[in-house]
């Protein structure tokens, strides 16, 4: 099954990543799990952006998910979470397109101080919906031939992205961005090795 779950735009600040806009399609998850799954995907997205160098791309494979990230030279960052069947090239091309459109719509001066509530970029939901089918991106990928020349680092797990000595379990436990329910959901999913086993 080809599926896009999340598409997010963040700003990579000197100490942490700042959420600017995000869109989710979690319709394939149980209704009662969606909130926790969304929180955890947001947490993983923010963590990977914070650990990706400026002007670099990464694709992190974890369980049944792929997390693609691109941090531009101006520190605007995009994250796309999909299943393994969604093509990597289309993922990175879509992230580039989203970030280019975002940069044209939202003034750069507002990125370091923006938030989900203050930034308007409704096109993100349109992209998430339209590009559920990767064939929709064909015309877009032809324009992005230089992406073939771009180095994309593929990691087998999120653990490879974390700094030496960091453990995902410890980051989840310390996170103020995850509710108690999401932390409990993560622990249960980790034990049963299902749903959002990003670590």
N, C-alpha and C. Protein backbone atom coordinates (compact mmCIF):
# COMPACT_ATOMS: atom_id res chain seq x y z
N UNK A 1 0.84 -1.18 0.00
CA UNK A 1 0.00 0.00 0.00
C UNK A 1 0.88 1.24 0.00
N UNK A 2 0.64 2.16 -0.89
CA UNK A 2 1.39 3.41 -0.95
C UNK A 2 0.64 4.43 -0.10
N UNK A 3 1.33 5.01 0.91
CA UNK A 3 0.63 5.90 1.83
C UNK A 3 1.56 6.99 2.35
N UNK A 4 1.05 8.23 2.33
CA UNK A 4 1.69 9.35 3.00
C UNK A 4 0.94 9.58 4.31
N UNK A 5 1.66 9.67 5.41
CA UNK A 5 1.02 9.88 6.71
C UNK A 5 1.13 11.33 7.19
N UNK A 6 2.29 11.95 6.91
CA UNK A 6 2.51 13.28 7.48
C UNK A 6 3.43 14.10 6.57
N UNK A 7 3.16 15.39 6.56
CA UNK A 7 3.99 16.34 5.82
C UNK A 7 4.11 17.57 6.72
N UNK A 8 5.34 17.95 7.06
CA UNK A 8 5.55 19.03 8.03
C UNK A 8 6.62 20.01 7.55
N UNK A 9 6.46 21.27 8.00
CA UNK A 9 7.45 22.31 7.74
C UNK A 9 7.89 22.84 9.10
N UNK A 10 9.21 22.87 9.30
CA UNK A 10 9.78 23.35 10.55
C UNK A 10 10.90 24.34 10.23
N UNK A 11 11.33 25.08 11.24
CA UNK A 11 12.49 25.94 11.12
C UNK A 11 13.53 25.41 12.10
N UNK A 12 14.73 25.12 11.60
CA UNK A 12 15.79 24.60 12.46
C UNK A 12 16.53 25.77 13.09
N UNK A 13 16.23 26.04 14.34
CA UNK A 13 16.90 27.11 15.07
C UNK A 13 18.23 26.61 15.62
N UNK A 14 18.97 27.49 16.29
CA UNK A 14 20.28 27.09 16.81
C UNK A 14 20.21 26.00 17.88
N UNK A 15 19.13 25.96 18.65
CA UNK A 15 19.04 24.98 19.73
C UNK A 15 17.92 23.95 19.55
N UNK A 16 16.91 24.30 18.77
CA UNK A 16 15.80 23.37 18.57
C UNK A 16 15.04 23.71 17.30
N UNK A 17 14.20 22.77 16.88
CA UNK A 17 13.38 22.99 15.70
C UNK A 17 12.05 23.60 16.12
N UNK A 18 11.54 24.52 15.29
CA UNK A 18 10.28 25.22 15.58
C UNK A 18 9.24 24.76 14.57
N UNK A 19 8.07 24.31 15.08
CA UNK A 19 6.98 23.87 14.21
C UNK A 19 6.37 25.07 13.52
N UNK A 20 6.26 24.99 12.20
CA UNK A 20 5.59 26.05 11.46
C UNK A 20 4.25 25.58 10.91
N UNK A 21 4.21 24.40 10.31
CA UNK A 21 2.95 23.87 9.78
C UNK A 21 3.07 22.36 9.59
N UNK A 22 1.96 21.65 9.77
CA UNK A 22 1.96 20.21 9.54
C UNK A 22 0.58 19.75 9.10
N UNK A 23 0.58 18.65 8.36
CA UNK A 23 -0.66 18.02 7.89
C UNK A 23 -0.51 16.52 8.07
N UNK A 24 -1.58 15.87 8.49
CA UNK A 24 -1.56 14.42 8.76
C UNK A 24 -2.74 13.74 8.07
N UNK A 25 -2.50 12.50 7.64
CA UNK A 25 -3.57 11.62 7.18
C UNK A 25 -3.38 10.31 7.93
N UNK A 26 -4.10 10.18 9.03
CA UNK A 26 -3.96 9.01 9.90
C UNK A 26 -5.21 8.13 9.83
N UNK A 27 -5.92 8.20 8.71
CA UNK A 27 -7.18 7.46 8.56
C UNK A 27 -7.01 5.95 8.63
N UNK A 28 -5.80 5.45 8.40
CA UNK A 28 -5.58 4.00 8.44
C UNK A 28 -5.34 3.50 9.87
N UNK A 29 -5.23 4.42 10.82
CA UNK A 29 -5.02 4.04 12.22
C UNK A 29 -6.36 3.99 12.95
N UNK A 30 -6.39 3.20 14.01
CA UNK A 30 -7.55 3.12 14.88
C UNK A 30 -7.87 4.53 15.40
N UNK A 31 -9.15 4.87 15.43
CA UNK A 31 -9.59 6.20 15.86
C UNK A 31 -9.00 6.60 17.21
N UNK A 32 -8.91 5.65 18.13
CA UNK A 32 -8.44 5.95 19.48
C UNK A 32 -6.92 6.08 19.55
N UNK A 33 -6.21 5.64 18.53
CA UNK A 33 -4.74 5.73 18.51
C UNK A 33 -4.24 6.97 17.77
N UNK A 34 -5.10 7.60 16.98
CA UNK A 34 -4.64 8.68 16.08
C UNK A 34 -3.95 9.82 16.80
N UNK A 35 -4.47 10.26 17.92
CA UNK A 35 -3.84 11.36 18.66
C UNK A 35 -2.43 11.03 19.10
N UNK A 36 -2.26 9.83 19.64
CA UNK A 36 -0.93 9.41 20.09
C UNK A 36 0.02 9.19 18.91
N UNK A 37 -0.49 8.62 17.82
CA UNK A 37 0.34 8.40 16.64
C UNK A 37 0.79 9.75 16.09
N UNK A 38 -0.11 10.73 16.03
CA UNK A 38 0.23 12.06 15.52
C UNK A 38 1.28 12.72 16.41
N UNK A 39 1.09 12.67 17.71
CA UNK A 39 2.07 13.25 18.63
C UNK A 39 3.43 12.61 18.45
N UNK A 40 3.44 11.29 18.31
CA UNK A 40 4.72 10.60 18.19
C UNK A 40 5.39 10.91 16.85
N UNK A 41 4.62 10.99 15.76
CA UNK A 41 5.19 11.36 14.47
C UNK A 41 5.76 12.77 14.52
N UNK A 42 5.07 13.67 15.21
CA UNK A 42 5.57 15.05 15.36
C UNK A 42 6.87 15.05 16.16
N UNK A 43 6.92 14.26 17.22
CA UNK A 43 8.11 14.17 18.05
C UNK A 43 9.31 13.65 17.25
N UNK A 44 9.09 12.58 16.48
CA UNK A 44 10.17 12.00 15.67
C UNK A 44 10.62 12.98 14.60
N UNK A 45 9.66 13.67 13.96
CA UNK A 45 9.99 14.65 12.92
C UNK A 45 10.88 15.76 13.49
N UNK A 46 10.50 16.30 14.62
CA UNK A 46 11.26 17.38 15.25
C UNK A 46 12.66 16.89 15.64
N UNK A 47 12.73 15.69 16.20
CA UNK A 47 14.02 15.12 16.61
C UNK A 47 14.95 14.93 15.42
N UNK A 48 14.43 14.43 14.31
CA UNK A 48 15.27 14.18 13.14
C UNK A 48 15.73 15.50 12.52
N UNK A 49 14.85 16.51 12.48
CA UNK A 49 15.26 17.82 11.95
C UNK A 49 16.40 18.39 12.79
N UNK A 50 16.28 18.29 14.10
CA UNK A 50 17.30 18.84 15.00
C UNK A 50 18.65 18.14 14.81
N UNK A 51 18.63 16.92 14.31
CA UNK A 51 19.86 16.15 14.15
C UNK A 51 20.31 16.01 12.68
N UNK A 52 19.68 16.78 11.81
CA UNK A 52 20.09 16.80 10.40
C UNK A 52 20.86 18.09 10.15
N UNK A 53 21.99 17.97 9.48
CA UNK A 53 22.80 19.15 9.20
C UNK A 53 22.08 20.07 8.21
N UNK A 54 22.42 21.34 8.28
CA UNK A 54 21.88 22.31 7.34
C UNK A 54 22.35 21.94 5.93
N UNK A 55 21.46 22.13 4.95
CA UNK A 55 21.71 21.81 3.54
C UNK A 55 21.96 20.31 3.34
N UNK A 56 21.18 19.49 4.06
CA UNK A 56 21.35 18.03 3.95
C UNK A 56 19.99 17.35 3.91
N UNK A 57 19.99 16.14 3.34
CA UNK A 57 18.80 15.30 3.27
C UNK A 57 19.10 13.98 3.97
N UNK A 58 18.07 13.41 4.57
CA UNK A 58 18.18 12.08 5.15
C UNK A 58 16.88 11.32 4.92
N UNK A 59 17.00 10.01 4.85
CA UNK A 59 15.84 9.13 4.85
C UNK A 59 16.08 8.10 5.94
N UNK A 60 15.18 8.06 6.90
CA UNK A 60 15.32 7.16 8.04
C UNK A 60 14.27 6.07 7.94
N UNK A 61 14.72 4.83 7.87
CA UNK A 61 13.83 3.68 7.79
C UNK A 61 13.63 3.14 9.19
N UNK A 62 12.38 3.01 9.57
CA UNK A 62 12.10 2.49 10.90
C UNK A 62 10.83 1.66 10.86
N UNK A 63 10.98 0.37 11.09
CA UNK A 63 9.83 -0.52 11.05
C UNK A 63 9.14 -0.43 9.70
N UNK A 64 7.86 -0.14 9.71
CA UNK A 64 7.10 -0.06 8.46
C UNK A 64 7.01 1.36 7.90
N UNK A 65 7.80 2.28 8.45
CA UNK A 65 7.74 3.69 8.06
C UNK A 65 9.05 4.18 7.47
N UNK A 66 8.93 5.23 6.65
CA UNK A 66 10.08 5.98 6.16
C UNK A 66 9.87 7.44 6.58
N UNK A 67 10.90 8.03 7.11
CA UNK A 67 10.86 9.44 7.50
C UNK A 67 11.92 10.16 6.67
N UNK A 68 11.47 10.98 5.73
CA UNK A 68 12.36 11.72 4.84
C UNK A 68 12.46 13.16 5.35
N UNK A 69 13.67 13.68 5.41
CA UNK A 69 13.87 15.04 5.91
C UNK A 69 14.83 15.79 4.99
N UNK A 70 14.58 17.08 4.84
CA UNK A 70 15.46 17.97 4.09
C UNK A 70 15.54 19.28 4.86
N UNK A 71 16.75 19.67 5.25
CA UNK A 71 16.98 20.97 5.89
C UNK A 71 17.73 21.82 4.87
N UNK A 72 17.09 22.89 4.41
CA UNK A 72 17.69 23.77 3.40
C UNK A 72 18.80 24.62 4.00
N UNK A 73 19.53 25.31 3.15
CA UNK A 73 20.61 26.18 3.59
C UNK A 73 20.14 27.33 4.46
N UNK A 74 18.86 27.73 4.30
CA UNK A 74 18.30 28.81 5.12
C UNK A 74 17.61 28.26 6.38
N UNK A 75 17.82 26.99 6.68
CA UNK A 75 17.30 26.29 7.87
C UNK A 75 15.81 26.01 7.85
N UNK A 76 15.16 26.24 6.71
CA UNK A 76 13.77 25.80 6.57
C UNK A 76 13.83 24.29 6.33
N UNK A 77 13.00 23.54 7.03
CA UNK A 77 13.07 22.08 6.97
C UNK A 77 11.72 21.47 6.64
N UNK A 78 11.75 20.38 5.91
CA UNK A 78 10.54 19.64 5.58
C UNK A 78 10.70 18.18 5.96
N UNK A 79 9.61 17.59 6.45
CA UNK A 79 9.61 16.17 6.83
C UNK A 79 8.40 15.51 6.22
N UNK A 80 8.60 14.34 5.63
CA UNK A 80 7.53 13.55 5.06
C UNK A 80 7.63 12.15 5.65
N UNK A 81 6.53 11.67 6.22
CA UNK A 81 6.49 10.30 6.76
C UNK A 81 5.56 9.49 5.88
N UNK A 82 6.08 8.35 5.39
CA UNK A 82 5.33 7.50 4.47
C UNK A 82 5.57 6.03 4.81
N UNK A 83 4.92 5.16 4.05
CA UNK A 83 5.25 3.75 4.16
C UNK A 83 6.45 3.48 3.24
N UNK A 84 6.95 2.23 3.25
CA UNK A 84 8.13 1.89 2.44
C UNK A 84 7.85 1.90 0.95
N UNK A 85 6.60 1.75 0.55
CA UNK A 85 6.28 1.67 -0.87
C UNK A 85 6.29 3.02 -1.57
N UNK A 86 6.24 4.11 -0.81
CA UNK A 86 6.24 5.43 -1.44
C UNK A 86 7.67 5.72 -1.92
N UNK A 87 7.84 6.09 -3.20
CA UNK A 87 9.19 6.25 -3.76
C UNK A 87 9.99 7.36 -3.08
N UNK A 88 11.25 7.06 -2.78
CA UNK A 88 12.13 8.01 -2.09
C UNK A 88 12.32 9.27 -2.92
N UNK A 89 12.54 9.11 -4.20
CA UNK A 89 12.78 10.27 -5.06
C UNK A 89 11.57 11.21 -5.05
N UNK A 90 10.38 10.64 -5.14
CA UNK A 90 9.17 11.45 -5.12
C UNK A 90 9.04 12.15 -3.76
N UNK A 91 9.37 11.44 -2.69
CA UNK A 91 9.30 12.03 -1.34
C UNK A 91 10.17 13.28 -1.24
N UNK A 92 11.42 13.16 -1.66
CA UNK A 92 12.33 14.29 -1.54
C UNK A 92 11.98 15.41 -2.52
N UNK A 93 11.49 15.06 -3.68
CA UNK A 93 11.06 16.08 -4.64
C UNK A 93 9.85 16.84 -4.09
N UNK A 94 8.92 16.12 -3.48
CA UNK A 94 7.75 16.76 -2.88
C UNK A 94 8.16 17.68 -1.74
N UNK A 95 9.07 17.24 -0.89
CA UNK A 95 9.54 18.10 0.21
C UNK A 95 10.13 19.40 -0.36
N UNK A 96 10.96 19.27 -1.40
CA UNK A 96 11.56 20.45 -2.02
C UNK A 96 10.50 21.40 -2.56
N UNK A 97 9.50 20.87 -3.23
CA UNK A 97 8.41 21.68 -3.78
C UNK A 97 7.64 22.38 -2.67
N UNK A 98 7.31 21.66 -1.61
CA UNK A 98 6.58 22.24 -0.48
C UNK A 98 7.39 23.38 0.14
N UNK A 99 8.69 23.15 0.38
CA UNK A 99 9.51 24.18 1.00
C UNK A 99 9.66 25.40 0.10
N UNK A 100 9.80 25.19 -1.20
CA UNK A 100 9.87 26.33 -2.13
C UNK A 100 8.58 27.14 -2.09
N UNK A 101 7.44 26.47 -2.12
CA UNK A 101 6.15 27.17 -2.06
C UNK A 101 5.95 27.87 -0.73
N UNK A 102 6.35 27.22 0.35
CA UNK A 102 6.24 27.81 1.68
C UNK A 102 7.08 29.08 1.76
N UNK A 103 8.33 29.02 1.24
CA UNK A 103 9.23 30.17 1.29
C UNK A 103 8.69 31.34 0.48
N UNK A 104 7.94 31.05 -0.57
CA UNK A 104 7.35 32.12 -1.38
C UNK A 104 6.10 32.71 -0.72
N UNK A 105 5.42 31.92 0.12
CA UNK A 105 4.17 32.35 0.75
C UNK A 105 4.36 32.97 2.12
N UNK A 106 5.36 32.52 2.84
CA UNK A 106 5.56 32.95 4.23
C UNK A 106 6.91 33.68 4.32
N UNK A 107 6.92 34.94 4.76
CA UNK A 107 8.17 35.71 4.83
C UNK A 107 9.21 35.05 5.76
N UNK A 108 10.46 34.95 5.32
CA UNK A 108 11.50 34.32 6.13
C UNK A 108 11.67 34.91 7.53
N UNK A 109 11.37 36.18 7.67
CA UNK A 109 11.51 36.81 9.00
C UNK A 109 10.56 36.19 10.02
N UNK A 110 9.46 35.58 9.56
CA UNK A 110 8.50 34.99 10.49
C UNK A 110 8.85 33.54 10.86
N UNK A 111 9.78 32.92 10.18
CA UNK A 111 10.11 31.51 10.46
C UNK A 111 10.62 31.27 11.87
N UNK A 112 11.60 32.06 12.36
CA UNK A 112 12.14 31.77 13.70
C UNK A 112 11.15 32.05 14.84
N UNK A 113 10.11 32.85 14.56
CA UNK A 113 9.17 33.21 15.62
C UNK A 113 7.77 32.67 15.36
N UNK A 114 7.60 31.93 14.25
CA UNK A 114 6.28 31.43 13.87
C UNK A 114 5.84 30.23 14.67
N UNK A 115 4.58 29.86 14.46
CA UNK A 115 4.01 28.66 15.09
C UNK A 115 2.86 28.17 14.22
N UNK A 116 2.35 26.99 14.52
CA UNK A 116 1.22 26.44 13.77
C UNK A 116 0.05 27.43 13.75
N UNK A 117 -0.16 28.13 14.86
CA UNK A 117 -1.29 29.04 14.98
C UNK A 117 -1.10 30.33 14.18
N UNK A 118 0.15 30.79 14.04
CA UNK A 118 0.39 32.08 13.40
C UNK A 118 0.74 31.98 11.91
N UNK A 119 1.09 30.79 11.44
CA UNK A 119 1.49 30.62 10.04
C UNK A 119 0.31 30.09 9.24
N UNK A 120 0.04 30.71 8.11
CA UNK A 120 -1.02 30.24 7.22
C UNK A 120 -0.38 29.63 5.97
N UNK A 121 -0.61 28.35 5.79
CA UNK A 121 -0.12 27.64 4.60
C UNK A 121 -1.05 26.45 4.34
N UNK A 122 -2.29 26.73 3.92
CA UNK A 122 -3.28 25.65 3.73
C UNK A 122 -2.92 24.68 2.61
N UNK A 123 -2.00 25.07 1.72
CA UNK A 123 -1.61 24.20 0.62
C UNK A 123 -1.01 22.88 1.11
N UNK A 124 -0.50 22.85 2.34
CA UNK A 124 0.13 21.63 2.86
C UNK A 124 -0.86 20.46 2.86
N UNK A 125 -2.11 20.71 3.23
CA UNK A 125 -3.13 19.66 3.24
C UNK A 125 -3.43 19.20 1.81
N UNK A 126 -3.41 20.15 0.88
CA UNK A 126 -3.64 19.82 -0.53
C UNK A 126 -2.53 18.91 -1.05
N UNK A 127 -1.28 19.24 -0.73
CA UNK A 127 -0.15 18.40 -1.14
C UNK A 127 -0.28 16.99 -0.57
N UNK A 128 -0.60 16.90 0.72
CA UNK A 128 -0.71 15.59 1.36
C UNK A 128 -1.78 14.75 0.70
N UNK A 129 -2.88 15.36 0.35
CA UNK A 129 -3.97 14.64 -0.30
C UNK A 129 -3.64 14.30 -1.75
N UNK A 130 -3.16 15.30 -2.50
CA UNK A 130 -2.91 15.11 -3.93
C UNK A 130 -1.82 14.08 -4.21
N UNK A 131 -0.78 14.07 -3.41
CA UNK A 131 0.36 13.21 -3.68
C UNK A 131 0.31 11.88 -2.93
N UNK A 132 -0.88 11.49 -2.46
CA UNK A 132 -1.04 10.12 -1.94
C UNK A 132 -0.70 9.14 -3.06
N UNK A 133 -0.98 9.53 -4.29
CA UNK A 133 -0.63 8.73 -5.46
C UNK A 133 0.67 9.29 -6.03
N UNK A 134 1.80 8.56 -5.92
CA UNK A 134 3.08 9.10 -6.38
C UNK A 134 3.12 9.43 -7.88
N UNK A 135 2.23 8.83 -8.66
CA UNK A 135 2.18 9.14 -10.09
C UNK A 135 1.81 10.60 -10.33
N UNK A 136 1.09 11.20 -9.37
CA UNK A 136 0.74 12.62 -9.48
C UNK A 136 1.98 13.50 -9.49
N UNK A 137 3.06 12.97 -8.96
CA UNK A 137 4.29 13.75 -8.85
C UNK A 137 5.20 13.60 -10.06
N UNK A 138 4.82 12.79 -11.05
CA UNK A 138 5.69 12.55 -12.20
C UNK A 138 6.19 13.82 -12.85
N UNK A 139 5.31 14.75 -13.15
CA UNK A 139 5.73 16.00 -13.80
C UNK A 139 6.69 16.76 -12.89
N UNK A 140 6.41 16.70 -11.60
CA UNK A 140 7.26 17.40 -10.65
C UNK A 140 8.65 16.76 -10.59
N UNK A 141 8.73 15.43 -10.65
CA UNK A 141 10.03 14.78 -10.55
C UNK A 141 10.89 15.03 -11.77
N UNK A 142 10.27 15.20 -12.93
CA UNK A 142 11.05 15.49 -14.14
C UNK A 142 11.76 16.84 -14.02
N UNK A 143 11.13 17.78 -13.35
CA UNK A 143 11.72 19.10 -13.16
C UNK A 143 12.90 19.03 -12.20
N UNK A 144 12.89 18.07 -11.32
CA UNK A 144 13.89 17.98 -10.25
C UNK A 144 15.02 17.00 -10.56
N UNK A 145 15.57 17.00 -11.75
CA UNK A 145 16.63 16.07 -12.12
C UNK A 145 17.87 16.19 -11.23
N UNK A 146 18.13 17.39 -10.74
CA UNK A 146 19.32 17.56 -9.91
C UNK A 146 19.24 16.79 -8.60
N UNK A 147 18.06 16.35 -8.24
CA UNK A 147 17.91 15.57 -7.01
C UNK A 147 18.71 14.28 -7.09
N UNK A 148 18.87 13.72 -8.30
CA UNK A 148 19.67 12.51 -8.47
C UNK A 148 21.10 12.72 -8.00
N UNK A 149 21.57 13.96 -8.14
CA UNK A 149 22.94 14.26 -7.78
C UNK A 149 23.09 14.61 -6.30
N UNK A 150 21.97 14.80 -5.64
CA UNK A 150 21.99 15.17 -4.23
C UNK A 150 22.22 13.94 -3.38
N UNK A 151 23.09 14.06 -2.41
CA UNK A 151 23.38 12.94 -1.53
C UNK A 151 22.27 12.81 -0.49
N UNK A 152 21.63 11.66 -0.46
CA UNK A 152 20.60 11.38 0.53
C UNK A 152 21.14 10.27 1.43
N UNK A 153 21.23 10.56 2.70
CA UNK A 153 21.76 9.59 3.65
C UNK A 153 20.60 8.72 4.12
N UNK A 154 20.75 7.41 3.97
CA UNK A 154 19.72 6.47 4.39
C UNK A 154 20.17 5.80 5.68
N UNK A 155 19.36 5.96 6.70
CA UNK A 155 19.64 5.33 7.99
C UNK A 155 18.64 4.21 8.19
N UNK A 156 19.09 3.13 8.80
CA UNK A 156 18.20 2.00 9.03
C UNK A 156 17.27 2.21 10.21
N UNK A 157 17.67 3.02 11.17
CA UNK A 157 16.80 3.30 12.31
C UNK A 157 17.02 4.73 12.76
N UNK A 158 16.09 5.21 13.57
CA UNK A 158 16.25 6.55 14.13
C UNK A 158 17.44 6.59 15.08
N UNK A 159 17.80 5.44 15.66
CA UNK A 159 18.93 5.38 16.58
C UNK A 159 20.21 5.87 15.89
N UNK A 160 20.34 5.62 14.58
CA UNK A 160 21.53 6.05 13.85
C UNK A 160 21.58 7.57 13.72
N UNK A 161 20.43 8.24 13.83
CA UNK A 161 20.37 9.70 13.70
C UNK A 161 20.66 10.37 15.03
N UNK A 162 20.35 9.70 16.12
CA UNK A 162 20.53 10.29 17.44
C UNK A 162 22.01 10.46 17.75
N UNK A 163 22.32 11.41 18.61
CA UNK A 163 23.70 11.66 18.97
C UNK A 163 24.22 10.51 19.82
N UNK A 164 25.53 10.35 19.82
CA UNK A 164 26.15 9.25 20.56
C UNK A 164 25.67 9.23 22.02
N UNK A 165 25.23 8.08 22.45
CA UNK A 165 24.77 7.92 23.82
C UNK A 165 23.30 8.22 24.02
N UNK A 166 22.64 8.84 23.05
CA UNK A 166 21.21 9.15 23.18
C UNK A 166 20.39 7.90 22.91
N UNK A 167 19.33 7.75 23.63
CA UNK A 167 18.40 6.64 23.41
C UNK A 167 17.02 7.24 23.19
N UNK A 168 16.28 6.68 22.22
CA UNK A 168 14.95 7.18 21.91
C UNK A 168 14.05 7.08 23.14
N UNK A 169 14.17 5.98 23.89
CA UNK A 169 13.35 5.80 25.09
C UNK A 169 13.57 6.96 26.07
N UNK A 170 14.83 7.39 26.24
CA UNK A 170 15.14 8.49 27.16
C UNK A 170 14.57 9.81 26.63
N UNK A 171 14.67 10.05 25.32
CA UNK A 171 14.11 11.27 24.75
C UNK A 171 12.60 11.32 24.90
N UNK A 172 11.94 10.17 24.69
CA UNK A 172 10.49 10.10 24.86
C UNK A 172 10.12 10.41 26.31
N UNK A 173 10.85 9.81 27.25
CA UNK A 173 10.56 10.01 28.67
C UNK A 173 10.73 11.48 29.07
N UNK A 174 11.74 12.17 28.52
CA UNK A 174 12.02 13.56 28.87
C UNK A 174 11.16 14.56 28.11
N UNK A 175 10.57 14.15 27.02
CA UNK A 175 9.86 15.07 26.13
C UNK A 175 8.67 15.72 26.81
N UNK A 176 8.60 17.05 26.65
CA UNK A 176 7.43 17.79 27.14
C UNK A 176 6.38 17.88 26.04
N UNK A 177 6.76 17.48 24.81
CA UNK A 177 5.86 17.55 23.67
C UNK A 177 4.94 16.34 23.53
N UNK A 178 5.15 15.32 24.38
CA UNK A 178 4.31 14.13 24.33
C UNK A 178 3.47 14.04 25.59
N UNK A 179 2.20 13.73 25.42
CA UNK A 179 1.32 13.58 26.57
C UNK A 179 1.62 12.25 27.27
N UNK A 180 1.07 12.08 28.46
CA UNK A 180 1.24 10.83 29.21
C UNK A 180 0.68 9.66 28.40
N UNK A 181 -0.46 9.89 27.72
CA UNK A 181 -1.07 8.83 26.90
C UNK A 181 -0.15 8.43 25.75
N UNK A 182 0.47 9.42 25.11
CA UNK A 182 1.37 9.12 23.99
C UNK A 182 2.61 8.38 24.47
N UNK A 183 3.12 8.74 25.63
CA UNK A 183 4.29 8.03 26.17
C UNK A 183 3.91 6.58 26.49
N UNK A 184 2.72 6.39 27.06
CA UNK A 184 2.25 5.03 27.36
C UNK A 184 2.02 4.26 26.07
N UNK A 185 1.45 4.93 25.07
CA UNK A 185 1.21 4.30 23.77
C UNK A 185 2.54 3.88 23.15
N UNK A 186 3.56 4.73 23.23
CA UNK A 186 4.88 4.42 22.68
C UNK A 186 5.45 3.18 23.37
N UNK A 187 5.37 3.15 24.70
CA UNK A 187 5.92 2.01 25.45
C UNK A 187 5.20 0.72 25.05
N UNK A 188 3.89 0.77 24.94
CA UNK A 188 3.11 -0.42 24.56
C UNK A 188 3.46 -0.84 23.13
N UNK A 189 3.52 0.12 22.23
CA UNK A 189 3.84 -0.19 20.83
C UNK A 189 5.24 -0.77 20.73
N UNK A 190 6.16 -0.26 21.52
CA UNK A 190 7.54 -0.74 21.53
C UNK A 190 7.59 -2.19 22.01
N UNK A 191 6.81 -2.48 23.04
CA UNK A 191 6.78 -3.85 23.56
C UNK A 191 6.19 -4.84 22.56
N UNK A 192 5.13 -4.40 21.85
CA UNK A 192 4.49 -5.29 20.90
C UNK A 192 5.09 -5.16 19.50
N UNK A 193 6.06 -4.22 19.35
CA UNK A 193 6.74 -4.01 18.06
C UNK A 193 5.76 -3.72 16.94
N UNK A 194 4.81 -2.81 17.20
CA UNK A 194 3.81 -2.50 16.19
C UNK A 194 3.55 -1.01 16.11
N UNK A 195 2.75 -0.61 15.14
CA UNK A 195 2.27 0.75 14.90
C UNK A 195 3.40 1.75 14.73
N UNK A 196 3.86 2.41 15.79
CA UNK A 196 4.83 3.48 15.58
C UNK A 196 6.18 3.10 16.20
N UNK A 197 6.72 1.98 15.85
CA UNK A 197 8.01 1.57 16.35
C UNK A 197 9.11 2.27 15.57
N UNK A 198 9.29 3.54 15.86
CA UNK A 198 10.33 4.32 15.20
C UNK A 198 11.68 4.07 15.85
N UNK A 199 11.74 3.40 16.93
CA UNK A 199 13.03 3.23 17.60
C UNK A 199 13.17 1.85 17.98
